[in-house]
Amino acid sequence: MNYDEFKRRLGKAGLSVREFSELLRCNCNTVSNYASREVVPTHFAVYVTLMSEMAERGVDFKTPISALDLREKMPRGMSAKGKPRIRKQRNIFDEE
């Protein structure tokens, strides 16, 4: 799904990019950055399609999604404690 269609379906669902990202507990910038790539990930396309169809039929999707225990994803390279992960590199030419 291209980003323009994603935004159209967000509007149909009555959501802004910020509301969508808050509902799914993801970073708003992550969602907005897909505008430059022109396509959104498949899972976002599925979510927004279902949300827009439910909204069109008068079905509340916000309450059940808000009730989920969704946890915010850590930025890439961060550990669960919020500290950068450090991976020791090994020399592939070293004999073991």
PDB file of N, CA and C in Angstrom:
ATOM      1  N   MET A   1       0.860  -1.173   0.000  1.00  0.00           N
ATOM      2  CA  MET A   1       0.000   0.000   0.000  1.00  0.00           C
ATOM      3  C   MET A   1       0.902   1.230   0.000  1.00  0.00           C
ATOM      4  N   ASN A   2       0.583   2.179  -0.849  1.00  0.00           N
ATOM      5  CA  ASN A   2       1.387   3.405  -0.854  1.00  0.00           C
ATOM      6  C   ASN A   2       0.936   4.322   0.289  1.00  0.00           C
ATOM      7  N   TYR A   3       1.789   5.279   0.596  1.00  0.00           N
ATOM      8  CA  TYR A   3       1.545   6.140   1.752  1.00  0.00           C
ATOM      9  C   TYR A   3       0.299   7.008   1.580  1.00  0.00           C
ATOM     10  N   ASP A   4       0.023   7.444   0.358  1.00  0.00           N
ATOM     11  CA  ASP A   4      -1.177   8.261   0.125  1.00  0.00           C
ATOM     12  C   ASP A   4      -2.453   7.472   0.429  1.00  0.00           C
ATOM     13  N   GLU A   5      -2.470   6.206   0.019  1.00  0.00           N
ATOM     14  CA  GLU A   5      -3.630   5.349   0.313  1.00  0.00           C
ATOM     15  C   GLU A   5      -3.719   5.092   1.814  1.00  0.00           C
ATOM     16  N   PHE A   6      -2.580   4.915   2.453  1.00  0.00           N
ATOM     17  CA  PHE A   6      -2.540   4.733   3.900  1.00  0.00           C
ATOM     18  C   PHE A   6      -3.174   5.933   4.601  1.00  0.00           C
ATOM     19  N   LYS A   7      -2.770   7.143   4.195  1.00  0.00           N
ATOM     20  CA  LYS A   7      -3.325   8.364   4.797  1.00  0.00           C
ATOM     21  C   LYS A   7      -4.827   8.490   4.521  1.00  0.00           C
ATOM     22  N   ARG A   8      -5.257   8.118   3.320  1.00  0.00           N
ATOM     23  CA  ARG A   8      -6.675   8.174   2.982  1.00  0.00           C
ATOM     24  C   ARG A   8      -7.480   7.255   3.899  1.00  0.00           C
ATOM     25  N   ARG A   9      -6.961   6.057   4.107  1.00  0.00           N
ATOM     26  CA  ARG A   9      -7.654   5.104   4.976  1.00  0.00           C
ATOM     27  C   ARG A   9      -7.610   5.531   6.443  1.00  0.00           C
ATOM     28  N   LEU A  10      -6.532   6.180   6.837  1.00  0.00           N
ATOM     29  CA  LEU A  10      -6.485   6.728   8.198  1.00  0.00           C
ATOM     30  C   LEU A  10      -7.614   7.736   8.391  1.00  0.00           C
ATOM     31  N   GLY A  11      -7.784   8.608   7.403  1.00  0.00           N
ATOM     32  CA  GLY A  11      -8.862   9.603   7.467  1.00  0.00           C
ATOM     33  C   GLY A  11     -10.224   8.943   7.523  1.00  0.00           C
ATOM     34  N   LYS A  12     -10.388   7.884   6.758  1.00  0.00           N
ATOM     35  CA  LYS A  12     -11.646   7.132   6.747  1.00  0.00           C
ATOM     36  C   LYS A  12     -11.917   6.516   8.126  1.00  0.00           C
ATOM     37  N   ALA A  13     -10.827   6.124   8.809  1.00  0.00           N
ATOM     38  CA  ALA A  13     -10.951   5.560  10.155  1.00  0.00           C
ATOM     39  C   ALA A  13     -11.103   6.644  11.211  1.00  0.00           C
ATOM     40  N   GLY A  14     -10.938   7.906  10.803  1.00  0.00           N
ATOM     41  CA  GLY A  14     -11.047   9.015  11.755  1.00  0.00           C
ATOM     42  C   GLY A  14      -9.812   9.181  12.607  1.00  0.00           C
ATOM     43  N   LEU A  15      -8.661   8.808  12.059  1.00  0.00           N
ATOM     44  CA  LEU A  15      -7.414   8.874  12.815  1.00  0.00           C
ATOM     45  C   LEU A  15      -6.384   9.744  12.108  1.00  0.00           C
ATOM     46  N   SER A  16      -5.546  10.369  12.890  1.00  0.00           N
ATOM     47  CA  SER A  16      -4.369  11.049  12.362  1.00  0.00           C
ATOM     48  C   SER A  16      -3.201  10.071  12.491  1.00  0.00           C
ATOM     49  N   VAL A  17      -2.075  10.417  11.908  1.00  0.00           N
ATOM     50  CA  VAL A  17      -0.880   9.577  12.032  1.00  0.00           C
ATOM     51  C   VAL A  17      -0.495   9.458  13.504  1.00  0.00           C
ATOM     52  N   ARG A  18      -0.582  10.566  14.238  1.00  0.00           N
ATOM     53  CA  ARG A  18      -0.248  10.553  15.666  1.00  0.00           C
ATOM     54  C   ARG A  18      -1.187   9.624  16.438  1.00  0.00           C
ATOM     55  N   GLU A  19      -2.486   9.718  16.185  1.00  0.00           N
ATOM     56  CA  GLU A  19      -3.446   8.860  16.895  1.00  0.00           C
ATOM     57  C   GLU A  19      -3.216   7.385  16.559  1.00  0.00           C
ATOM     58  N   PHE A  20      -2.935   7.105  15.299  1.00  0.00           N
ATOM     59  CA  PHE A  20      -2.651   5.735  14.869  1.00  0.00           C
ATOM     60  C   PHE A  20      -1.430   5.196  15.616  1.00  0.00           C
ATOM     61  N   SER A  21      -0.369   5.983  15.656  1.00  0.00           N
ATOM     62  CA  SER A  21       0.856   5.524  16.316  1.00  0.00           C
ATOM     63  C   SER A  21       0.655   5.382  17.829  1.00  0.00           C
ATOM     64  N   GLU A  22      -0.110   6.272  18.429  1.00  0.00           N
ATOM     65  CA  GLU A  22      -0.377   6.151  19.868  1.00  0.00           C
ATOM     66  C   GLU A  22      -1.220   4.916  20.167  1.00  0.00           C
ATOM     67  N   LEU A  23      -2.183   4.644  19.308  1.00  0.00           N
ATOM     68  CA  LEU A  23      -3.048   3.480  19.494  1.00  0.00           C
ATOM     69  C   LEU A  23      -2.243   2.185  19.417  1.00  0.00           C
ATOM     70  N   LEU A  24      -1.281   2.137  18.520  1.00  0.00           N
ATOM     71  CA  LEU A  24      -0.474   0.933  18.329  1.00  0.00           C
ATOM     72  C   LEU A  24       0.839   0.959  19.111  1.00  0.00           C
ATOM     73  N   ARG A  25       1.048   2.025  19.886  1.00  0.00           N
ATOM     74  CA  ARG A  25       2.237   2.179  20.721  1.00  0.00           C
ATOM     75  C   ARG A  25       3.533   2.094  19.907  1.00  0.00           C
ATOM     76  N   CYS A  26       3.544   2.805  18.813  1.00  0.00           N
ATOM     77  CA  CYS A  26       4.782   2.900  18.037  1.00  0.00           C
ATOM     78  C   CYS A  26       5.132   4.376  17.895  1.00  0.00           C
ATOM     79  N   ASN A  27       6.329   4.643  17.506  1.00  0.00           N
ATOM     80  CA  ASN A  27       6.807   6.009  17.391  1.00  0.00           C
ATOM     81  C   ASN A  27       6.140   6.703  16.205  1.00  0.00           C
ATOM     82  N   CYS A  28       5.621   7.878  16.430  1.00  0.00           N
ATOM     83  CA  CYS A  28       4.954   8.651  15.375  1.00  0.00           C
ATOM     84  C   CYS A  28       5.896   8.929  14.206  1.00  0.00           C
ATOM     85  N   ASN A  29       7.165   9.192  14.516  1.00  0.00           N
ATOM     86  CA  ASN A  29       8.142   9.445  13.452  1.00  0.00           C
ATOM     87  C   ASN A  29       8.342   8.222  12.573  1.00  0.00           C
ATOM     88  N   THR A  30       8.258   7.042  13.167  1.00  0.00           N
ATOM     89  CA  THR A  30       8.392   5.807  12.393  1.00  0.00           C
ATOM     90  C   THR A  30       7.331   5.750  11.319  1.00  0.00           C
ATOM     91  N   VAL A  31       6.099   6.045  11.701  1.00  0.00           N
ATOM     92  CA  VAL A  31       4.987   6.007  10.749  1.00  0.00           C
ATOM     93  C   VAL A  31       5.152   7.112   9.707  1.00  0.00           C
ATOM     94  N   SER A  32       5.485   8.300  10.144  1.00  0.00           N
ATOM     95  CA  SER A  32       5.647   9.433   9.223  1.00  0.00           C
ATOM     96  C   SER A  32       6.776   9.224   8.232  1.00  0.00           C
ATOM     97  N   ASN A  33       7.820   8.520   8.647  1.00  0.00           N
ATOM     98  CA  ASN A  33       8.970   8.308   7.771  1.00  0.00           C
ATOM     99  C   ASN A  33       8.637   7.469   6.543  1.00  0.00           C
ATOM    100  N   TYR A  34       7.551   6.735   6.592  1.00  0.00           N
ATOM    101  CA  TYR A  34       7.177   5.925   5.429  1.00  0.00           C
ATOM    102  C   TYR A  34       6.708   6.791   4.263  1.00  0.00           C
ATOM    103  N   ALA A  35       6.421   8.046   4.516  1.00  0.00           N
ATOM    104  CA  ALA A  35       6.039   8.959   3.430  1.00  0.00           C
ATOM    105  C   ALA A  35       7.179   9.096   2.431  1.00  0.00           C
ATOM    106  N   SER A  36       8.406   9.115   2.905  1.00  0.00           N
ATOM    107  CA  SER A  36       9.545   9.259   1.996  1.00  0.00           C
ATOM    108  C   SER A  36       9.841   7.968   1.237  1.00  0.00           C
ATOM    109  N   ARG A  37       9.456   6.846   1.798  1.00  0.00           N
ATOM    110  CA  ARG A  37       9.660   5.563   1.112  1.00  0.00           C
ATOM    111  C   ARG A  37       8.504   5.242   0.176  1.00  0.00           C
ATOM    112  N   GLU A  38       7.416   5.948   0.360  1.00  0.00           N
ATOM    113  CA  GLU A  38       6.202   5.841  -0.459  1.00  0.00           C
ATOM    114  C   GLU A  38       5.361   4.590  -0.214  1.00  0.00           C
ATOM    115  N   VAL A  39       5.873   3.608   0.484  1.00  0.00           N
ATOM    116  CA  VAL A  39       5.062   2.428   0.811  1.00  0.00           C
ATOM    117  C   VAL A  39       5.123   2.188   2.315  1.00  0.00           C
ATOM    118  N   VAL A  40       4.056   1.623   2.847  1.00  0.00           N
ATOM    119  CA  VAL A  40       4.012   1.300   4.271  1.00  0.00           C
ATOM    120  C   VAL A  40       4.184  -0.207   4.434  1.00  0.00           C
ATOM    121  N   PRO A  41       4.661  -0.652   5.593  1.00  0.00           N
ATOM    122  CA  PRO A  41       4.797  -2.092   5.823  1.00  0.00           C
ATOM    123  C   PRO A  41       3.435  -2.786   5.746  1.00  0.00           C
ATOM    124  N   THR A  42       3.470  -4.038   5.395  1.00  0.00           N
ATOM    125  CA  THR A  42       2.249  -4.818   5.220  1.00  0.00           C
ATOM    126  C   THR A  42       1.378  -4.798   6.467  1.00  0.00           C
ATOM    127  N   HIS A  43       1.978  -4.926   7.647  1.00  0.00           N
ATOM    128  CA  HIS A  43       1.164  -4.976   8.859  1.00  0.00           C
ATOM    129  C   HIS A  43       0.433  -3.655   9.101  1.00  0.00           C
ATOM    130  N   PHE A  44       1.061  -2.507   8.785  1.00  0.00           N
ATOM    131  CA  PHE A  44       0.362  -1.233   8.909  1.00  0.00           C
ATOM    132  C   PHE A  44      -0.783  -1.153   7.907  1.00  0.00           C
ATOM    133  N   ALA A  45      -0.569  -1.663   6.705  1.00  0.00           N
ATOM    134  CA  ALA A  45      -1.616  -1.655   5.680  1.00  0.00           C
ATOM    135  C   ALA A  45      -2.819  -2.483   6.134  1.00  0.00           C
ATOM    136  N   VAL A  46      -2.559  -3.630   6.727  1.00  0.00           N
ATOM    137  CA  VAL A  46      -3.643  -4.486   7.228  1.00  0.00           C
ATOM    138  C   VAL A  46      -4.386  -3.780   8.360  1.00  0.00           C
ATOM    139  N   TYR A  47      -3.640  -3.213   9.321  1.00  0.00           N
ATOM    140  CA  TYR A  47      -4.276  -2.533  10.451  1.00  0.00           C
ATOM    141  C   TYR A  47      -5.189  -1.405   9.985  1.00  0.00           C
ATOM    142  N   VAL A  48      -4.673  -0.545   9.131  1.00  0.00           N
ATOM    143  CA  VAL A  48      -5.444   0.629   8.723  1.00  0.00           C
ATOM    144  C   VAL A  48      -6.633   0.227   7.857  1.00  0.00           C
ATOM    145  N   THR A  49      -6.486  -0.826   7.068  1.00  0.00           N
ATOM    146  CA  THR A  49      -7.608  -1.304   6.256  1.00  0.00           C
ATOM    147  C   THR A  49      -8.731  -1.819   7.152  1.00  0.00           C
ATOM    148  N   LEU A  50      -8.373  -2.622   8.134  1.00  0.00           N
ATOM    149  CA  LEU A  50      -9.389  -3.141   9.062  1.00  0.00           C
ATOM    150  C   LEU A  50     -10.041  -2.007   9.863  1.00  0.00           C
ATOM    151  N   MET A  51      -9.229  -1.075  10.329  1.00  0.00           N
ATOM    152  CA  MET A  51      -9.762   0.055  11.100  1.00  0.00           C
ATOM    153  C   MET A  51     -10.715   0.898  10.268  1.00  0.00           C
ATOM    154  N   SER A  52     -10.354   1.169   9.027  1.00  0.00           N
ATOM    155  CA  SER A  52     -11.221   2.007   8.184  1.00  0.00           C
ATOM    156  C   SER A  52     -12.526   1.295   7.849  1.00  0.00           C
ATOM    157  N   GLU A  53     -12.459  -0.003   7.600  1.00  0.00           N
ATOM    158  CA  GLU A  53     -13.680  -0.768   7.313  1.00  0.00           C
ATOM    159  C   GLU A  53     -14.576  -0.850   8.544  1.00  0.00           C
ATOM    160  N   MET A  54     -13.985  -1.034   9.699  1.00  0.00           N
ATOM    161  CA  MET A  54     -14.773  -1.089  10.932  1.00  0.00           C
ATOM    162  C   MET A  54     -15.423   0.255  11.212  1.00  0.00           C
ATOM    163  N   ALA A  55     -14.682   1.336  11.031  1.00  0.00           N
ATOM    164  CA  ALA A  55     -15.222   2.678  11.267  1.00  0.00           C
ATOM    165  C   ALA A  55     -16.385   2.952  10.317  1.00  0.00           C
ATOM    166  N   GLU A  56     -16.239   2.515   9.071  1.00  0.00           N
ATOM    167  CA  GLU A  56     -17.307   2.724   8.089  1.00  0.00           C
ATOM    168  C   GLU A  56     -18.585   1.997   8.483  1.00  0.00           C
ATOM    169  N   ARG A  57     -18.448   0.876   9.172  1.00  0.00           N
ATOM    170  CA  ARG A  57     -19.609   0.082   9.602  1.00  0.00           C
ATOM    171  C   ARG A  57     -20.063   0.426  11.024  1.00  0.00           C
ATOM    172  N   GLY A  58     -19.425   1.446  11.614  1.00  0.00           N
ATOM    173  CA  GLY A  58     -19.826   1.901  12.945  1.00  0.00           C
ATOM    174  C   GLY A  58     -19.339   1.011  14.072  1.00  0.00           C
ATOM    175  N   VAL A  59     -18.306   0.220  13.824  1.00  0.00           N
ATOM    176  CA  VAL A  59     -17.769  -0.677  14.845  1.00  0.00           C
ATOM    177  C   VAL A  59     -16.611   0.022  15.560  1.00  0.00           C
ATOM    178  N   ASP A  60     -16.651   0.013  16.886  1.00  0.00           N
ATOM    179  CA  ASP A  60     -15.597   0.635  17.684  1.00  0.00           C
ATOM    180  C   ASP A  60     -14.365  -0.259  17.685  1.00  0.00           C
ATOM    181  N   PHE A  61     -13.271   0.226  17.171  1.00  0.00           N
ATOM    182  CA  PHE A  61     -12.017  -0.532  17.181  1.00  0.00           C
ATOM    183  C   PHE A  61     -11.034   0.026  18.196  1.00  0.00           C
ATOM    184  N   LYS A  62     -11.239   1.263  18.620  1.00  0.00           N
ATOM    185  CA  LYS A  62     -10.281   1.906  19.521  1.00  0.00           C
ATOM    186  C   LYS A  62     -10.278   1.274  20.916  1.00  0.00           C
ATOM    187  N   THR A  63     -11.453   0.983  21.449  1.00  0.00           N
ATOM    188  CA  THR A  63     -11.541   0.433  22.804  1.00  0.00           C
ATOM    189  C   THR A  63     -10.838  -0.914  22.921  1.00  0.00           C
ATOM    190  N   PRO A  64     -11.120  -1.888  22.043  1.00  0.00           N
ATOM    191  CA  PRO A  64     -10.420  -3.169  22.202  1.00  0.00           C
ATOM    192  C   PRO A  64      -8.907  -3.073  21.958  1.00  0.00           C
ATOM    193  N   ILE A  65      -8.483  -2.218  21.024  1.00  0.00           N
ATOM    194  CA  ILE A  65      -7.045  -2.081  20.783  1.00  0.00           C
ATOM    195  C   ILE A  65      -6.376  -1.404  21.970  1.00  0.00           C
ATOM    196  N   SER A  66      -7.038  -0.395  22.534  1.00  0.00           N
ATOM    197  CA  SER A  66      -6.486   0.306  23.706  1.00  0.00           C
ATOM    198  C   SER A  66      -6.380  -0.621  24.910  1.00  0.00           C
ATOM    199  N   ALA A  67      -7.252  -1.624  24.980  1.00  0.00           N
ATOM    200  CA  ALA A  67      -7.251  -2.546  26.111  1.00  0.00           C
ATOM    201  C   ALA A  67      -6.110  -3.570  26.030  1.00  0.00           C
ATOM    202  N   LEU A  68      -5.493  -3.713  24.866  1.00  0.00           N
ATOM    203  CA  LEU A  68      -4.376  -4.644  24.725  1.00  0.00           C
ATOM    204  C   LEU A  68      -3.166  -4.137  25.490  1.00  0.00           C
ATOM    205  N   ASP A  69      -2.390  -5.057  25.988  1.00  0.00           N
ATOM    206  CA  ASP A  69      -1.169  -4.683  26.711  1.00  0.00           C
ATOM    207  C   ASP A  69      -0.021  -4.555  25.713  1.00  0.00           C
ATOM    208  N   LEU A  70      -0.139  -3.578  24.813  1.00  0.00           N
ATOM    209  CA  LEU A  70       0.903  -3.355  23.814  1.00  0.00           C
ATOM    210  C   LEU A  70       2.047  -2.600  24.459  1.00  0.00           C
ATOM    211  N   ARG A  71       3.233  -2.999  24.126  1.00  0.00           N
ATOM    212  CA  ARG A  71       4.411  -2.340  24.682  1.00  0.00           C
ATOM    213  C   ARG A  71       5.148  -1.612  23.573  1.00  0.00           C
ATOM    214  N   GLU A  72       5.616  -0.447  23.912  1.00  0.00           N
ATOM    215  CA  GLU A  72       6.338   0.349  22.938  1.00  0.00           C
ATOM    216  C   GLU A  72       7.630  -0.367  22.548  1.00  0.00           C
ATOM    217  N   LYS A  73       7.907  -0.401  21.258  1.00  0.00           N
ATOM    218  CA  LYS A  73       9.124  -1.039  20.786  1.00  0.00           C
ATOM    219  C   LYS A  73      10.320  -0.150  21.099  1.00  0.00           C
ATOM    220  N   MET A  74      11.409  -0.785  21.440  1.00  0.00           N
ATOM    221  CA  MET A  74      12.650  -0.062  21.703  1.00  0.00           C
ATOM    222  C   MET A  74      13.275   0.327  20.360  1.00  0.00           C
ATOM    223  N   PRO A  75      13.937   1.457  20.302  1.00  0.00           N
ATOM    224  CA  PRO A  75      14.650   1.817  19.079  1.00  0.00           C
ATOM    225  C   PRO A  75      15.692   0.751  18.747  1.00  0.00           C
ATOM    226  N   ARG A  76      15.981   0.600  17.470  1.00  0.00           N
ATOM    227  CA  ARG A  76      16.977  -0.389  17.054  1.00  0.00           C
ATOM    228  C   ARG A  76      18.291  -0.149  17.771  1.00  0.00           C
ATOM    229  N   GLY A  77      18.894  -1.249  18.212  1.00  0.00           N
ATOM    230  CA  GLY A  77      20.180  -1.152  18.882  1.00  0.00           C
ATOM    231  C   GLY A  77      20.092  -0.888  20.370  1.00  0.00           C
ATOM    232  N   MET A  78      18.877  -0.846  20.920  1.00  0.00           N
ATOM    233  CA  MET A  78      18.713  -0.588  22.351  1.00  0.00           C
ATOM    234  C   MET A  78      18.281  -1.875  23.054  1.00  0.00           C
ATOM    235  N   SER A  79      18.710  -2.028  24.277  1.00  0.00           N
ATOM    236  CA  SER A  79      18.299  -3.172  25.076  1.00  0.00           C
ATOM    237  C   SER A  79      16.995  -2.840  25.784  1.00  0.00           C
ATOM    238  N   ALA A  80      16.440  -3.813  26.462  1.00  0.00           N
ATOM    239  CA  ALA A  80      15.187  -3.609  27.187  1.00  0.00           C
ATOM    240  C   ALA A  80      15.343  -2.574  28.297  1.00  0.00           C
ATOM    241  N   LYS A  81      16.553  -2.379  28.785  1.00  0.00           N
ATOM    242  CA  LYS A  81      16.793  -1.416  29.859  1.00  0.00           C
ATOM    243  C   LYS A  81      17.051  -0.016  29.330  1.00  0.00           C
ATOM    244  N   GLY A  82      16.986   0.147  28.004  1.00  0.00           N
ATOM    245  CA  GLY A  82      17.188   1.463  27.418  1.00  0.00           C
ATOM    246  C   GLY A  82      18.634   1.852  27.209  1.00  0.00           C
ATOM    247  N   LYS A  83      19.516   0.861  27.314  1.00  0.00           N
ATOM    248  CA  LYS A  83      20.939   1.123  27.108  1.00  0.00           C
ATOM    249  C   LYS A  83      21.352   0.517  25.771  1.00  0.00           C
ATOM    250  N   PRO A  84      22.309   1.149  25.112  1.00  0.00           N
ATOM    251  CA  PRO A  84      22.766   0.586  23.835  1.00  0.00           C
ATOM    252  C   PRO A  84      23.338  -0.813  24.013  1.00  0.00           C
ATOM    253  N   ARG A  85      22.991  -1.701  23.077  1.00  0.00           N
ATOM    254  CA  ARG A  85      23.562  -3.043  23.098  1.00  0.00           C
ATOM    255  C   ARG A  85      24.957  -2.964  22.515  1.00  0.00           C
ATOM    256  N   ILE A  86      25.868  -3.604  23.190  1.00  0.00           N
ATOM    257  CA  ILE A  86      27.233  -3.637  22.686  1.00  0.00           C
ATOM    258  C   ILE A  86      27.548  -5.090  22.370  1.00  0.00           C
ATOM    259  N   ARG A  87      27.843  -5.316  21.123  1.00  0.00           N
ATOM    260  CA  ARG A  87      28.207  -6.664  20.706  1.00  0.00           C
ATOM    261  C   ARG A  87      29.690  -6.665  20.368  1.00  0.00           C
ATOM    262  N   LYS A  88      30.379  -7.577  21.010  1.00  0.00           N
ATOM    263  CA  LYS A  88      31.810  -7.673  20.735  1.00  0.00           C
ATOM    264  C   LYS A  88      31.997  -8.336  19.382  1.00  0.00           C
ATOM    265  N   GLN A  89      32.827  -7.720  18.586  1.00  0.00           N
ATOM    266  CA  GLN A  89      33.145  -8.302  17.296  1.00  0.00           C
ATOM    267  C   GLN A  89      34.320  -9.243  17.452  1.00  0.00           C
ATOM    268  N   ARG A  90      34.261 -10.286  16.673  1.00  0.00           N
ATOM    269  CA  ARG A  90      35.404 -11.197  16.715  1.00  0.00           C
ATOM    270  C   ARG A  90      36.080 -11.175  15.370  1.00  0.00           C
ATOM    271  N   ASN A  91      37.334 -11.419  15.375  1.00  0.00           N
ATOM    272  CA  ASN A  91      38.114 -11.438  14.145  1.00  0.00           C
ATOM    273  C   ASN A  91      37.874 -12.778  13.467  1.00  0.00           C
ATOM    274  N   ILE A  92      37.371 -12.773  12.273  1.00  0.00           N
ATOM    275  CA  ILE A  92      37.054 -14.022  11.585  1.00  0.00           C
ATOM    276  C   ILE A  92      38.326 -14.769  11.170  1.00  0.00           C
ATOM    277  N   PHE A  93      39.476 -14.096  11.228  1.00  0.00           N
ATOM    278  CA  PHE A  93      40.729 -14.736  10.843  1.00  0.00           C
ATOM    279  C   PHE A  93      41.439 -15.384  12.029  1.00  0.00           C
ATOM    280  N   ASP A  94      40.916 -15.144  13.235  1.00  0.00           N
ATOM    281  CA  ASP A  94      41.496 -15.794  14.399  1.00  0.00           C
ATOM    282  C   ASP A  94      41.136 -17.269  14.366  1.00  0.00           C
ATOM    283  N   GLU A  95      42.137 -18.103  14.650  1.00  0.00           N
ATOM    284  CA  GLU A  95      41.860 -19.542  14.725  1.00  0.00           C
ATOM    285  C   GLU A  95      41.303 -19.855  16.095  1.00  0.00           C
ATOM    286  N   GLU A  96      40.379 -20.762  16.083  1.00  0.00           N
ATOM    287  CA  GLU A  96      39.780 -21.142  17.375  1.00  0.00           C
ATOM    288  C   GLU A  96      40.292 -22.473  17.826  1.00  0.00           C
TER     289      GLU A  96
END
